Every structure is written in C-alpha cells, then in structure tokens.
C-alpha cells in the first residue's frame, strides 16, 4: 500500500509509520522536520508546512493518506481538496471530543459541537468543534472515501501529554497515591499502536464515515483500571481515594492535575467523556491489547526518558500536601 502520513514522527503518527513499515507499505511523510527528522530513513520525507507548502504534494498518488496533525478546518480542508483526487481513502484522526455534550455516551450519530465564535481558531478552547468542522471538510472533499476516526484518549509509548503515563510512573513509584472519587467513573482509552494498526487495515478495506475508536468494548471502572496498572508496574502503591467535591474545593484540576478524572459529579456534562459506544469499530476489526501490557510498555519508555513525560499530573509536593490535608480533615 502506498501511504502518505501527514505528521508521523511524534506520537500516533509515529506508530502509524512503524506499523506501515512493518507491513511492507511504501511510506511517505509530510512534515516540517522538527521532531526526529532522521527517524525513518527507509521512508520518504517531504519537508513542508501544511499552511504554506501543500503544493509539494500536488499530483502525487497514494492509496491512503492518514492525517494525524489536523486541527484547523481551513488547513485540513486545503489538504483534503489537494489530495482527494489522487488518493483512494482519506483517514482523518478526529476525536470523541466532537460531540455537543458528554453527559451521556455518544454514538456516531449524536449531535456535534459548534463553535462559540464562528471565526475562532483557538484549538485549546474550541478543540472539539474545530475537529467536527475538520471532519466536514474531509467528507466534502472525498465523499464516501473519508474515514473520520473519532479517537478516545490515546495512550502508550511516546505520548507527549503524560495523562496516562502519570498514573503508570506514579503507581510504579509506590507509597500512598492520591486517587479521585468516584471510583466507578467509566473509563476507556486506546493504545496508540492498536489505533494505528486498526486505521491501516480499516482504510485498506474501504471503511468510511465517522467511527468512535477507543476501548475496551465495555468501559472499565476507574478503580479497576488503576488497580490493573498498579499490579502491572509493581511498586506496592496504595490508592488513597479522596472525595470528588473535596478535591475540587482544593483547586485540583480534573484531567490535567489528576488525569483520567473528569469530576463527573461536579462537571455533569463530562460524565461520559471517557465512555463511547464502539460497536462500529469492533465490527470493523478493532482489537485492543490488555491494559497491563500498555502500562508496562509505557513505563519502560518513560523510564528511558529520564525526565517527566509531559505536562499533566500532580507534582510530588502538591500530592503530598493534598494527602496530608485529606488525612487531617
């Protein structure tokens, strides 16, 4: 298969390239060359910025393009329009954040988010709505040949966010670990390697339309997930479960300071943020590896860095102060 990856050297794109090369695909990367430019000497790299240099791909033919780096509709639309005539399948990596509300689990037919400001390109504030518009651009450019992958939380080695990695490294360190109630919060996530492998096969087999892609099929509970990670990485950690409202009152930020936690009792519109029906993806062959395997591999990668794996998570001093305050309440 002739594959074009827009991106390809940071996280998900990296796993897409590795999976494609392992399959024997002919791989071309289009990126700025700022992150690990020499990572894949066996692949062709076309250097360029999608804002200014898309013409460097004009007339090139590919079986599949995987767009892992699209956030702004005007840029995604320009890419899709340029490439659509010369590709069989356009795979756009979107997000489960596209839905208008996460108060309940959303299947692919649920209403989508809309921009608060129609002219906004603020990815931080309007991430979901911008991704929804990107999907629309791709479908318009390649009707019936676009696969819009609504990914859940993507985790695993090379994750730059530290959202899952925080729990892996913190539990491996052992001791008392601050954990957020409610323990039964639903949780799904997807190993980047499983997502990458699925996208290649689904695209090759002609899948199209929007597809929620996360896992497992039945959401985990937060307590079961953290217990599974703790067992996988060792360290003998003890989870200390603190009340949700108390944590919010202490100024603890859901998702950023305590990743995987959405504070559903306080932020009711986020109650099902990490729970999505994935029957469509399962029917298209999605398979997910055990959480313990992802945890062990993520820990090995994080330890190889010798430094923090990203911005999310509680600093050790902050966690210690919170644990002391919870014990003394």
C-alpha atoms as a PDB file:
ATOM      1  CA  UNK A   1       0.000   0.000   0.000  1.00  0.00           C
ATOM      2  CA  UNK A   2       1.248   3.497  -0.850  1.00  0.00           C
ATOM      3  CA  UNK A   3       0.719   5.537   2.304  1.00  0.00           C
ATOM      4  CA  UNK A   4       1.052   9.253   2.980  1.00  0.00           C
ATOM      5  CA  UNK A   5       1.231  10.334   6.626  1.00  0.00           C
ATOM      6  CA  UNK A   6       0.705  13.994   7.455  1.00  0.00           C
ATOM      7  CA  UNK A   7       2.893  14.197  10.546  1.00  0.00           C
ATOM      8  CA  UNK A   8       4.460  10.920  11.516  1.00  0.00           C
ATOM      9  CA  UNK A   9       7.300  11.479  13.986  1.00  0.00           C
ATOM     10  CA  UNK A  10       5.756  12.391  17.357  1.00  0.00           C
ATOM     11  CA  UNK A  11       3.111  10.062  18.815  1.00  0.00           C
ATOM     12  CA  UNK A  12       0.235   8.458  16.943  1.00  0.00           C
ATOM     13  CA  UNK A  13       1.797   9.263  13.590  1.00  0.00           C
ATOM     14  CA  UNK A  14       4.962   7.563  14.713  1.00  0.00           C
ATOM     15  CA  UNK A  15       3.065   4.371  15.466  1.00  0.00           C
ATOM     16  CA  UNK A  16       1.246   4.596  12.123  1.00  0.00           C
ATOM     17  CA  UNK A  17       4.578   4.789  10.302  1.00  0.00           C
ATOM     18  CA  UNK A  18       6.062   1.901  12.271  1.00  0.00           C
ATOM     19  CA  UNK A  19       3.017  -0.291  11.684  1.00  0.00           C
ATOM     20  CA  UNK A  20       3.008   0.544   7.977  1.00  0.00           C
ATOM     21  CA  UNK A  21       6.717  -0.171   7.543  1.00  0.00           C
ATOM     22  CA  UNK A  22       6.311  -3.470   9.403  1.00  0.00           C
ATOM     23  CA  UNK A  23       3.573  -4.399   6.908  1.00  0.00           C
ATOM     24  CA  UNK A  24       5.852  -3.587   3.997  1.00  0.00           C
ATOM     25  CA  UNK A  25       3.939  -0.492   2.902  1.00  0.00           C
ATOM     26  CA  UNK A  26       5.555   2.243   0.818  1.00  0.00           C
ATOM     27  CA  UNK A  27       5.519   5.216   3.206  1.00  0.00           C
ATOM     28  CA  UNK A  28       5.847   8.947   2.564  1.00  0.00           C
ATOM     29  CA  UNK A  29       5.822  11.503   5.388  1.00  0.00           C
ATOM     30  CA  UNK A  30       4.907  15.158   5.019  1.00  0.00           C
ATOM     31  CA  UNK A  31       6.017  17.277   7.966  1.00  0.00           C
ATOM     32  CA  UNK A  32       8.198  20.195   9.000  1.00  0.00           C
ATOM     33  CA  UNK A  33      11.145  18.042  10.006  1.00  0.00           C
ATOM     34  CA  UNK A  34      11.266  19.463  13.521  1.00  0.00           C
ATOM     35  CA  UNK A  35      10.684  16.263  15.500  1.00  0.00           C
ATOM     36  CA  UNK A  36      13.143  13.407  14.924  1.00  0.00           C
ATOM     37  CA  UNK A  37      13.679  14.153  11.223  1.00  0.00           C
ATOM     38  CA  UNK A  38      16.027  11.185  10.748  1.00  0.00           C
ATOM     39  CA  UNK A  39      13.744   8.681  12.482  1.00  0.00           C
ATOM     40  CA  UNK A  40      12.702   6.711   9.391  1.00  0.00           C
ATOM     41  CA  UNK A  41      15.448   6.630   6.733  1.00  0.00           C
ATOM     42  CA  UNK A  42      13.573   3.846   4.932  1.00  0.00           C
ATOM     43  CA  UNK A  43      10.598   6.163   4.346  1.00  0.00           C
ATOM     44  CA  UNK A  44      10.414   9.152   2.025  1.00  0.00           C
ATOM     45  CA  UNK A  45      10.047  12.508   3.758  1.00  0.00           C
ATOM     46  CA  UNK A  46       8.676  15.585   2.030  1.00  0.00           C
ATOM     47  CA  UNK A  47       9.510  18.606   4.150  1.00  0.00           C
ATOM     48  CA  UNK A  48       6.894  21.297   4.400  1.00  0.00           C
ATOM     49  CA  UNK A  49       4.337  23.140   6.480  1.00  0.00           C
ATOM     50  CA  UNK A  50       0.731  22.382   5.613  1.00  0.00           C
ATOM     51  CA  UNK A  51      -0.046  26.101   5.894  1.00  0.00           C
ATOM     52  CA  UNK A  52       2.300  27.069   3.054  1.00  0.00           C
ATOM     53  CA  UNK A  53       3.827  24.044   1.336  1.00  0.00           C
ATOM     54  CA  UNK A  54       0.996  21.687   0.362  1.00  0.00           C
ATOM     55  CA  UNK A  55       1.835  22.194  -3.311  1.00  0.00           C
ATOM     56  CA  UNK A  56       4.823  19.916  -2.784  1.00  0.00           C
ATOM     57  CA  UNK A  57       2.318  17.029  -2.709  1.00  0.00           C
ATOM     58  CA  UNK A  58       0.395  18.104  -5.800  1.00  0.00           C
ATOM     59  CA  UNK A  59      -0.071  15.328  -8.330  1.00  0.00           C
ATOM     60  CA  UNK A  60       1.328  12.634  -6.052  1.00  0.00           C
ATOM     61  CA  UNK A  61      -0.741   9.435  -5.957  1.00  0.00           C
ATOM     62  CA  UNK A  62      -1.310   7.403  -2.797  1.00  0.00           C
ATOM     63  CA  UNK A  63      -3.669   4.630  -1.792  1.00  0.00           C
ATOM     64  CA  UNK A  64      -4.289   6.099   1.656  1.00  0.00           C
ATOM     65  CA  UNK A  65      -3.488   9.335   3.444  1.00  0.00           C
ATOM     66  CA  UNK A  66      -3.538   9.390   7.250  1.00  0.00           C
ATOM     67  CA  UNK A  67      -3.873  12.895   8.653  1.00  0.00           C
ATOM     68  CA  UNK A  68      -2.611  12.833  12.233  1.00  0.00           C
ATOM     69  CA  UNK A  69      -1.864  16.552  12.509  1.00  0.00           C
ATOM     70  CA  UNK A  70      -5.055  18.364  11.504  1.00  0.00           C
ATOM     71  CA  UNK A  71      -6.748  20.782  13.895  1.00  0.00           C
ATOM     72  CA  UNK A  72      -7.909  23.776  11.841  1.00  0.00           C
ATOM     73  CA  UNK A  73     -10.694  23.291   9.263  1.00  0.00           C
ATOM     74  CA  UNK A  74      -9.183  25.618   6.655  1.00  0.00           C
ATOM     75  CA  UNK A  75      -5.880  23.707   6.681  1.00  0.00           C
ATOM     76  CA  UNK A  76      -7.466  20.256   6.789  1.00  0.00           C
ATOM     77  CA  UNK A  77      -9.831  21.293   4.010  1.00  0.00           C
ATOM     78  CA  UNK A  78      -6.950  22.519   1.867  1.00  0.00           C
ATOM     79  CA  UNK A  79      -5.078  19.243   2.391  1.00  0.00           C
ATOM     80  CA  UNK A  80      -8.118  17.136   1.606  1.00  0.00           C
ATOM     81  CA  UNK A  81      -9.009  19.070  -1.518  1.00  0.00           C
ATOM     82  CA  UNK A  82      -5.453  18.878  -2.861  1.00  0.00           C
ATOM     83  CA  UNK A  83      -5.108  15.140  -2.222  1.00  0.00           C
ATOM     84  CA  UNK A  84      -8.630  13.802  -2.749  1.00  0.00           C
ATOM     85  CA  UNK A  85      -8.384  13.277  -6.480  1.00  0.00           C
ATOM     86  CA  UNK A  86      -5.256  11.167  -6.117  1.00  0.00           C
ATOM     87  CA  UNK A  87      -5.995   9.012  -3.049  1.00  0.00           C
ATOM     88  CA  UNK A  88      -8.387   6.127  -2.521  1.00  0.00           C
ATOM     89  CA  UNK A  89      -9.032   6.808   1.160  1.00  0.00           C
ATOM     90  CA  UNK A  90      -8.517   9.850   3.383  1.00  0.00           C
ATOM     91  CA  UNK A  91      -8.191   8.943   7.062  1.00  0.00           C
ATOM     92  CA  UNK A  92      -8.597  11.894   9.391  1.00  0.00           C
ATOM     93  CA  UNK A  93      -7.725  11.473  13.061  1.00  0.00           C
ATOM     94  CA  UNK A  94     -10.549  13.246  14.857  1.00  0.00           C
ATOM     95  CA  UNK A  95     -11.691  12.889  18.462  1.00  0.00           C
ATOM     96  CA  UNK A  96     -14.568  11.814  20.658  1.00  0.00           C
ATOM     97  CA  UNK A  97     -14.491  15.465  21.766  1.00  0.00           C
ATOM     98  CA  UNK A  98     -16.519  16.364  18.653  1.00  0.00           C
ATOM     99  CA  UNK A  99     -19.839  15.714  20.413  1.00  0.00           C
ATOM    100  CA  UNK A 100     -22.006  18.543  21.674  1.00  0.00           C
ATOM    101  CA  UNK A 101     -22.283  17.010  25.145  1.00  0.00           C
ATOM    102  CA  UNK A 102     -20.589  14.208  27.032  1.00  0.00           C
ATOM    103  CA  UNK A 103     -23.281  13.906  29.688  1.00  0.00           C
ATOM    104  CA  UNK A 104     -24.232  10.540  28.163  1.00  0.00           C
ATOM    105  CA  UNK A 105     -22.264   8.154  25.926  1.00  0.00           C
ATOM    106  CA  UNK A 106     -22.394   9.274  22.308  1.00  0.00           C
ATOM    107  CA  UNK A 107     -22.678   7.029  19.304  1.00  0.00           C
ATOM    108  CA  UNK A 108     -21.560   8.321  15.925  1.00  0.00           C
ATOM    109  CA  UNK A 109     -24.965   9.833  15.126  1.00  0.00           C
ATOM    110  CA  UNK A 110     -25.056  12.118  18.179  1.00  0.00           C
ATOM    111  CA  UNK A 111     -25.124  15.926  17.699  1.00  0.00           C
ATOM    112  CA  UNK A 112     -21.744  17.579  17.203  1.00  0.00           C
ATOM    113  CA  UNK A 113     -20.223  20.570  18.941  1.00  0.00           C
ATOM    114  CA  UNK A 114     -20.480  24.017  17.340  1.00  0.00           C
ATOM    115  CA  UNK A 115     -18.036  26.900  17.600  1.00  0.00           C
ATOM    116  CA  UNK A 116     -18.885  29.543  20.170  1.00  0.00           C
ATOM    117  CA  UNK A 117     -17.194  32.034  17.843  1.00  0.00           C
ATOM    118  CA  UNK A 118     -17.575  31.121  14.143  1.00  0.00           C
ATOM    119  CA  UNK A 119     -14.215  32.758  13.358  1.00  0.00           C
ATOM    120  CA  UNK A 120     -12.306  31.061  16.178  1.00  0.00           C
ATOM    121  CA  UNK A 121      -9.146  29.047  15.584  1.00  0.00           C
ATOM    122  CA  UNK A 122      -8.456  28.651  19.311  1.00  0.00           C
ATOM    123  CA  UNK A 123      -7.691  24.922  19.457  1.00  0.00           C
ATOM    124  CA  UNK A 124      -7.413  24.952  23.237  1.00  0.00           C
ATOM    125  CA  UNK A 125     -10.911  26.341  23.787  1.00  0.00           C
ATOM    126  CA  UNK A 126     -12.704  25.023  20.695  1.00  0.00           C
ATOM    127  CA  UNK A 127     -10.924  21.716  20.135  1.00  0.00           C
ATOM    128  CA  UNK A 128     -13.989  19.524  19.682  1.00  0.00           C
ATOM    129  CA  UNK A 129     -15.921  21.926  17.483  1.00  0.00           C
ATOM    130  CA  UNK A 130     -12.879  22.542  15.274  1.00  0.00           C
ATOM    131  CA  UNK A 131     -12.331  18.802  14.876  1.00  0.00           C
ATOM    132  CA  UNK A 132     -16.001  18.399  13.903  1.00  0.00           C
ATOM    133  CA  UNK A 133     -15.563  21.032  11.197  1.00  0.00           C
ATOM    134  CA  UNK A 134     -12.372  19.333  10.020  1.00  0.00           C
ATOM    135  CA  UNK A 135     -14.386  16.126   9.563  1.00  0.00           C
ATOM    136  CA  UNK A 136     -16.896  18.035   7.458  1.00  0.00           C
ATOM    137  CA  UNK A 137     -14.123  19.395   5.241  1.00  0.00           C
ATOM    138  CA  UNK A 138     -12.668  15.930   4.659  1.00  0.00           C
ATOM    139  CA  UNK A 139     -16.035  14.398   3.814  1.00  0.00           C
ATOM    140  CA  UNK A 140     -16.828  17.247   1.434  1.00  0.00           C
ATOM    141  CA  UNK A 141     -13.519  16.794  -0.373  1.00  0.00           C
ATOM    142  CA  UNK A 142     -13.690  12.993  -0.540  1.00  0.00           C
ATOM    143  CA  UNK A 143     -17.353  11.998  -0.195  1.00  0.00           C
ATOM    144  CA  UNK A 144     -17.737   8.320   0.607  1.00  0.00           C
ATOM    145  CA  UNK A 145     -13.957   7.896   0.790  1.00  0.00           C
ATOM    146  CA  UNK A 146     -13.294   9.625   4.117  1.00  0.00           C
ATOM    147  CA  UNK A 147     -12.754   7.735   7.364  1.00  0.00           C
ATOM    148  CA  UNK A 148     -13.153  10.108  10.294  1.00  0.00           C
ATOM    149  CA  UNK A 149     -11.578   8.375  13.278  1.00  0.00           C
ATOM    150  CA  UNK A 150     -13.103   9.702  16.492  1.00  0.00           C
ATOM    151  CA  UNK A 151     -10.372   8.545  18.815  1.00  0.00           C
ATOM    152  CA  UNK A 152     -10.786   8.324  22.547  1.00  0.00           C
ATOM    153  CA  UNK A 153      -7.898   9.016  24.921  1.00  0.00           C
ATOM    154  CA  UNK A 154      -4.789   7.819  23.084  1.00  0.00           C
ATOM    155  CA  UNK A 155      -2.094   6.356  25.329  1.00  0.00           C
ATOM    156  CA  UNK A 156       1.139   4.406  25.222  1.00  0.00           C
ATOM    157  CA  UNK A 157       4.827   4.959  24.493  1.00  0.00           C
ATOM    158  CA  UNK A 158       5.762   8.388  23.083  1.00  0.00           C
ATOM    159  CA  UNK A 159       2.641  10.069  24.496  1.00  0.00           C
ATOM    160  CA  UNK A 160       3.605  13.756  24.964  1.00  0.00           C
ATOM    161  CA  UNK A 161       0.733  14.582  27.344  1.00  0.00           C
ATOM    162  CA  UNK A 162       1.552  12.425  30.417  1.00  0.00           C
ATOM    163  CA  UNK A 163      -2.154  11.776  31.013  1.00  0.00           C
ATOM    164  CA  UNK A 164      -1.903   8.007  31.241  1.00  0.00           C
ATOM    165  CA  UNK A 165       1.841   7.976  31.815  1.00  0.00           C
ATOM    166  CA  UNK A 166       1.375   9.945  35.045  1.00  0.00           C
ATOM    167  CA  UNK A 167      -0.510   7.058  36.618  1.00  0.00           C
ATOM    168  CA  UNK A 168       1.935   4.473  35.303  1.00  0.00           C
ATOM    169  CA  UNK A 169       5.001   6.227  36.710  1.00  0.00           C
ATOM    170  CA  UNK A 170       3.302   7.365  39.913  1.00  0.00           C
ATOM    171  CA  UNK A 171       1.995   3.911  40.777  1.00  0.00           C
ATOM    172  CA  UNK A 172       5.370   2.375  39.970  1.00  0.00           C
ATOM    173  CA  UNK A 173       6.975   4.755  42.477  1.00  0.00           C
ATOM    174  CA  UNK A 174       4.816   3.261  45.231  1.00  0.00           C
ATOM    175  CA  UNK A 175       3.623   4.672  48.541  1.00  0.00           C
ATOM    176  CA  UNK A 176       0.304   6.401  49.119  1.00  0.00           C
ATOM    177  CA  UNK A 177      -1.166   7.609  45.840  1.00  0.00           C
ATOM    178  CA  UNK A 178      -3.941  10.207  45.749  1.00  0.00           C
ATOM    179  CA  UNK A 179      -6.868   8.859  43.715  1.00  0.00           C
ATOM    180  CA  UNK A 180     -10.099  10.708  42.861  1.00  0.00           C
ATOM    181  CA  UNK A 181     -13.605   9.560  43.621  1.00  0.00           C
ATOM    182  CA  UNK A 182     -15.935   8.385  42.206  1.00  0.00           C
ATOM    183  CA  UNK A 183     -14.290   5.008  41.855  1.00  0.00           C
ATOM    184  CA  UNK A 184     -16.903   3.813  39.393  1.00  0.00           C
ATOM    185  CA  UNK A 185     -16.256   6.554  36.813  1.00  0.00           C
ATOM    186  CA  UNK A 186     -16.331   4.865  33.399  1.00  0.00           C
ATOM    187  CA  UNK A 187     -13.028   4.818  31.548  1.00  0.00           C
ATOM    188  CA  UNK A 188     -11.939   3.909  28.052  1.00  0.00           C
ATOM    189  CA  UNK A 189      -8.666   4.539  26.281  1.00  0.00           C
ATOM    190  CA  UNK A 190      -6.795   3.253  23.242  1.00  0.00           C
ATOM    191  CA  UNK A 191      -3.173   2.205  22.883  1.00  0.00           C
ATOM    192  CA  UNK A 192      -1.723   4.227  20.004  1.00  0.00           C
ATOM    193  CA  UNK A 193      -0.309   1.034  18.489  1.00  0.00           C
ATOM    194  CA  UNK A 194      -3.742  -0.586  18.369  1.00  0.00           C
ATOM    195  CA  UNK A 195      -5.279   2.550  16.875  1.00  0.00           C
ATOM    196  CA  UNK A 196      -2.537   2.789  14.242  1.00  0.00           C
ATOM    197  CA  UNK A 197      -2.853  -0.848  13.206  1.00  0.00           C
ATOM    198  CA  UNK A 198      -6.646  -0.614  13.023  1.00  0.00           C
ATOM    199  CA  UNK A 199      -6.606   2.528  10.877  1.00  0.00           C
ATOM    200  CA  UNK A 200      -4.349   0.955   8.275  1.00  0.00           C
ATOM    201  CA  UNK A 201      -6.462  -2.182   7.951  1.00  0.00           C
ATOM    202  CA  UNK A 202      -9.781  -0.306   8.040  1.00  0.00           C
ATOM    203  CA  UNK A 203      -8.614   2.104   5.341  1.00  0.00           C
ATOM    204  CA  UNK A 204      -7.284  -0.683   3.153  1.00  0.00           C
ATOM    205  CA  UNK A 205     -10.605  -2.491   3.450  1.00  0.00           C
ATOM    206  CA  UNK A 206     -12.558   0.599   2.425  1.00  0.00           C
ATOM    207  CA  UNK A 207     -14.077   1.751   5.719  1.00  0.00           C
ATOM    208  CA  UNK A 208     -15.612   5.211   5.690  1.00  0.00           C
ATOM    209  CA  UNK A 209     -17.713   7.576   7.760  1.00  0.00           C
ATOM    210  CA  UNK A 210     -17.280   8.533  11.414  1.00  0.00           C
ATOM    211  CA  UNK A 211     -16.144   5.805  13.822  1.00  0.00           C
ATOM    212  CA  UNK A 212     -15.597   6.005  17.589  1.00  0.00           C
ATOM    213  CA  UNK A 213     -12.317   4.226  18.326  1.00  0.00           C
ATOM    214  CA  UNK A 214     -11.392   3.556  21.943  1.00  0.00           C
ATOM    215  CA  UNK A 215     -11.640   0.592  24.269  1.00  0.00           C
ATOM    216  CA  UNK A 216     -12.421  -1.798  25.680  1.00  0.00           C
ATOM    217  CA  UNK A 217     -15.878  -2.552  24.289  1.00  0.00           C
ATOM    218  CA  UNK A 218     -17.341  -2.374  27.803  1.00  0.00           C
ATOM    219  CA  UNK A 219     -15.892   0.621  29.688  1.00  0.00           C
ATOM    220  CA  UNK A 220     -13.683  -0.035  32.679  1.00  0.00           C
ATOM    221  CA  UNK A 221     -14.202   1.467  36.101  1.00  0.00           C
ATOM    222  CA  UNK A 222     -11.543   3.937  37.195  1.00  0.00           C
ATOM    223  CA  UNK A 223     -10.699   1.909  40.300  1.00  0.00           C
ATOM    224  CA  UNK A 224     -10.309  -1.313  38.323  1.00  0.00           C
ATOM    225  CA  UNK A 225      -8.123   0.419  35.739  1.00  0.00           C
ATOM    226  CA  UNK A 226      -5.796   1.946  38.339  1.00  0.00           C
ATOM    227  CA  UNK A 227      -5.597  -1.357  40.200  1.00  0.00           C
ATOM    228  CA  UNK A 228      -4.666  -3.152  36.967  1.00  0.00           C
ATOM    229  CA  UNK A 229      -1.964  -0.590  36.214  1.00  0.00           C
ATOM    230  CA  UNK A 230      -0.606  -0.820  39.772  1.00  0.00           C
ATOM    231  CA  UNK A 231      -0.373  -4.605  39.542  1.00  0.00           C
ATOM    232  CA  UNK A 232       1.294  -4.431  36.138  1.00  0.00           C
ATOM    233  CA  UNK A 233       4.022  -1.962  37.107  1.00  0.00           C
ATOM    234  CA  UNK A 234       4.743  -3.137  40.655  1.00  0.00           C
ATOM    235  CA  UNK A 235       5.807  -0.683  43.328  1.00  0.00           C
ATOM    236  CA  UNK A 236       3.290  -1.716  46.001  1.00  0.00           C
ATOM    237  CA  UNK A 237       1.336   1.537  45.764  1.00  0.00           C
ATOM    238  CA  UNK A 238      -1.693   2.126  47.979  1.00  0.00           C
ATOM    239  CA  UNK A 239      -4.547   4.110  46.455  1.00  0.00           C
ATOM    240  CA  UNK A 240      -5.973   6.751  48.809  1.00  0.00           C
ATOM    241  CA  UNK A 241      -9.401   7.708  47.472  1.00  0.00           C
ATOM    242  CA  UNK A 242     -10.383  11.320  48.149  1.00  0.00           C
ATOM    243  CA  UNK A 243     -13.858  12.804  47.794  1.00  0.00           C
ATOM    244  CA  UNK A 244     -14.575  14.434  44.463  1.00  0.00           C
ATOM    245  CA  UNK A 245     -16.080  17.638  45.849  1.00  0.00           C
ATOM    246  CA  UNK A 246     -13.222  17.976  48.353  1.00  0.00           C
ATOM    247  CA  UNK A 247     -10.654  17.707  45.566  1.00  0.00           C
ATOM    248  CA  UNK A 248     -12.432  20.348  43.504  1.00  0.00           C
ATOM    249  CA  UNK A 249     -12.627  22.630  46.535  1.00  0.00           C
ATOM    250  CA  UNK A 250      -8.852  22.233  46.963  1.00  0.00           C
ATOM    251  CA  UNK A 251      -8.423  23.538  43.436  1.00  0.00           C
ATOM    252  CA  UNK A 252      -7.341  20.216  41.926  1.00  0.00           C
ATOM    253  CA  UNK A 253      -7.871  20.355  38.177  1.00  0.00           C
ATOM    254  CA  UNK A 254      -9.644  17.329  36.653  1.00  0.00           C
ATOM    255  CA  UNK A 255      -7.945  15.906  33.574  1.00  0.00           C
ATOM    256  CA  UNK A 256      -4.770  17.978  33.941  1.00  0.00           C
ATOM    257  CA  UNK A 257      -3.606  17.584  37.568  1.00  0.00           C
ATOM    258  CA  UNK A 258      -5.363  14.249  38.102  1.00  0.00           C
ATOM    259  CA  UNK A 259      -5.552  12.738  34.607  1.00  0.00           C
ATOM    260  CA  UNK A 260      -8.348  10.331  33.652  1.00  0.00           C
ATOM    261  CA  UNK A 261     -10.605  12.030  36.234  1.00  0.00           C
ATOM    262  CA  UNK A 262     -13.457  14.161  34.860  1.00  0.00           C
ATOM    263  CA  UNK A 263     -15.142  15.089  38.188  1.00  0.00           C
ATOM    264  CA  UNK A 264     -18.459  13.924  36.786  1.00  0.00           C
ATOM    265  CA  UNK A 265     -20.441  14.841  39.891  1.00  0.00           C
ATOM    266  CA  UNK A 266     -19.345  18.446  39.523  1.00  0.00           C
ATOM    267  CA  UNK A 267     -18.980  18.654  35.749  1.00  0.00           C
ATOM    268  CA  UNK A 268     -22.053  16.692  34.739  1.00  0.00           C
ATOM    269  CA  UNK A 269     -21.641  17.487  31.062  1.00  0.00           C
ATOM    270  CA  UNK A 270     -18.391  15.482  31.155  1.00  0.00           C
ATOM    271  CA  UNK A 271     -19.781  12.394  32.920  1.00  0.00           C
ATOM    272  CA  UNK A 272     -19.383  10.142  29.866  1.00  0.00           C
ATOM    273  CA  UNK A 273     -16.358  11.874  28.368  1.00  0.00           C
ATOM    274  CA  UNK A 274     -14.361   8.637  28.598  1.00  0.00           C
ATOM    275  CA  UNK A 275     -17.131   6.250  27.592  1.00  0.00           C
ATOM    276  CA  UNK A 276     -18.208   5.820  23.985  1.00  0.00           C
ATOM    277  CA  UNK A 277     -20.025   3.011  22.144  1.00  0.00           C
ATOM    278  CA  UNK A 278     -17.502   1.362  19.818  1.00  0.00           C
ATOM    279  CA  UNK A 279     -19.622  -1.294  18.175  1.00  0.00           C
ATOM    280  CA  UNK A 280     -18.882   0.140  14.736  1.00  0.00           C
ATOM    281  CA  UNK A 281     -15.103  -0.033  15.288  1.00  0.00           C
ATOM    282  CA  UNK A 282     -15.380  -3.557  16.686  1.00  0.00           C
ATOM    283  CA  UNK A 283     -17.331  -4.654  13.626  1.00  0.00           C
ATOM    284  CA  UNK A 284     -14.516  -3.202  11.520  1.00  0.00           C
ATOM    285  CA  UNK A 285     -11.979  -5.366  13.322  1.00  0.00           C
ATOM    286  CA  UNK A 286     -10.743  -3.271  16.236  1.00  0.00           C
ATOM    287  CA  UNK A 287      -8.707  -5.284  18.716  1.00  0.00           C
ATOM    288  CA  UNK A 288      -7.176  -3.808  21.862  1.00  0.00           C
ATOM    289  CA  UNK A 289      -4.321  -5.209  23.903  1.00  0.00           C
ATOM    290  CA  UNK A 290      -4.546  -5.755  27.681  1.00  0.00           C
ATOM    291  CA  UNK A 291      -4.196  -2.614  29.786  1.00  0.00           C
ATOM    292  CA  UNK A 292      -1.354  -4.251  31.715  1.00  0.00           C
ATOM    293  CA  UNK A 293       0.709  -4.570  28.531  1.00  0.00           C
ATOM    294  CA  UNK A 294       0.188  -0.908  27.684  1.00  0.00           C
ATOM    295  CA  UNK A 295       1.151   0.059  31.235  1.00  0.00           C
ATOM    296  CA  UNK A 296       4.381  -1.956  31.244  1.00  0.00           C
ATOM    297  CA  UNK A 297       5.453  -0.699  27.829  1.00  0.00           C
ATOM    298  CA  UNK A 298       4.629   2.892  28.752  1.00  0.00           C
ATOM    299  CA  UNK A 299       6.656   2.597  31.945  1.00  0.00           C
ATOM    300  CA  UNK A 300       9.673   1.239  30.082  1.00  0.00           C
ATOM    301  CA  UNK A 301       9.502   4.126  27.621  1.00  0.00           C
ATOM    302  CA  UNK A 302       9.010   6.746  30.365  1.00  0.00           C
ATOM    303  CA  UNK A 303      11.998   5.433  32.296  1.00  0.00           C
ATOM    304  CA  UNK A 304      14.123   5.646  29.173  1.00  0.00           C
ATOM    305  CA  UNK A 305      13.498   9.402  29.075  1.00  0.00           C
ATOM    306  CA  UNK A 306      14.975  10.094  32.486  1.00  0.00           C
ATOM    307  CA  UNK A 307      12.573  13.044  32.816  1.00  0.00           C
ATOM    308  CA  UNK A 308       8.887  13.864  33.079  1.00  0.00           C
ATOM    309  CA  UNK A 309       6.913  12.514  30.114  1.00  0.00           C
ATOM    310  CA  UNK A 310       4.654  15.545  29.700  1.00  0.00           C
ATOM    311  CA  UNK A 311       2.765  18.373  31.411  1.00  0.00           C
ATOM    312  CA  UNK A 312      -0.156  16.546  33.063  1.00  0.00           C
ATOM    313  CA  UNK A 313      -0.158  15.235  36.623  1.00  0.00           C
ATOM    314  CA  UNK A 314       0.381  16.346  40.198  1.00  0.00           C
ATOM    315  CA  UNK A 315       3.831  17.435  41.339  1.00  0.00           C
ATOM    316  CA  UNK A 316       5.095  15.257  44.186  1.00  0.00           C
ATOM    317  CA  UNK A 317       4.982  18.128  46.690  1.00  0.00           C
ATOM    318  CA  UNK A 318       1.428  19.026  45.717  1.00  0.00           C
ATOM    319  CA  UNK A 319       0.279  15.430  46.046  1.00  0.00           C
ATOM    320  CA  UNK A 320       1.945  15.069  49.464  1.00  0.00           C
ATOM    321  CA  UNK A 321       0.220  18.220  50.737  1.00  0.00           C
ATOM    322  CA  UNK A 322      -3.148  17.015  49.495  1.00  0.00           C
ATOM    323  CA  UNK A 323      -2.700  13.569  51.048  1.00  0.00           C
ATOM    324  CA  UNK A 324      -1.829  15.197  54.392  1.00  0.00           C
ATOM    325  CA  UNK A 325      -4.827  17.524  54.214  1.00  0.00           C
ATOM    326  CA  UNK A 326      -7.168  14.651  53.342  1.00  0.00           C
ATOM    327  CA  UNK A 327      -5.890  12.577  56.250  1.00  0.00           C
ATOM    328  CA  UNK A 328      -6.305  15.504  58.669  1.00  0.00           C
ATOM    329  CA  UNK A 329      -9.743  16.645  57.577  1.00  0.00           C
END
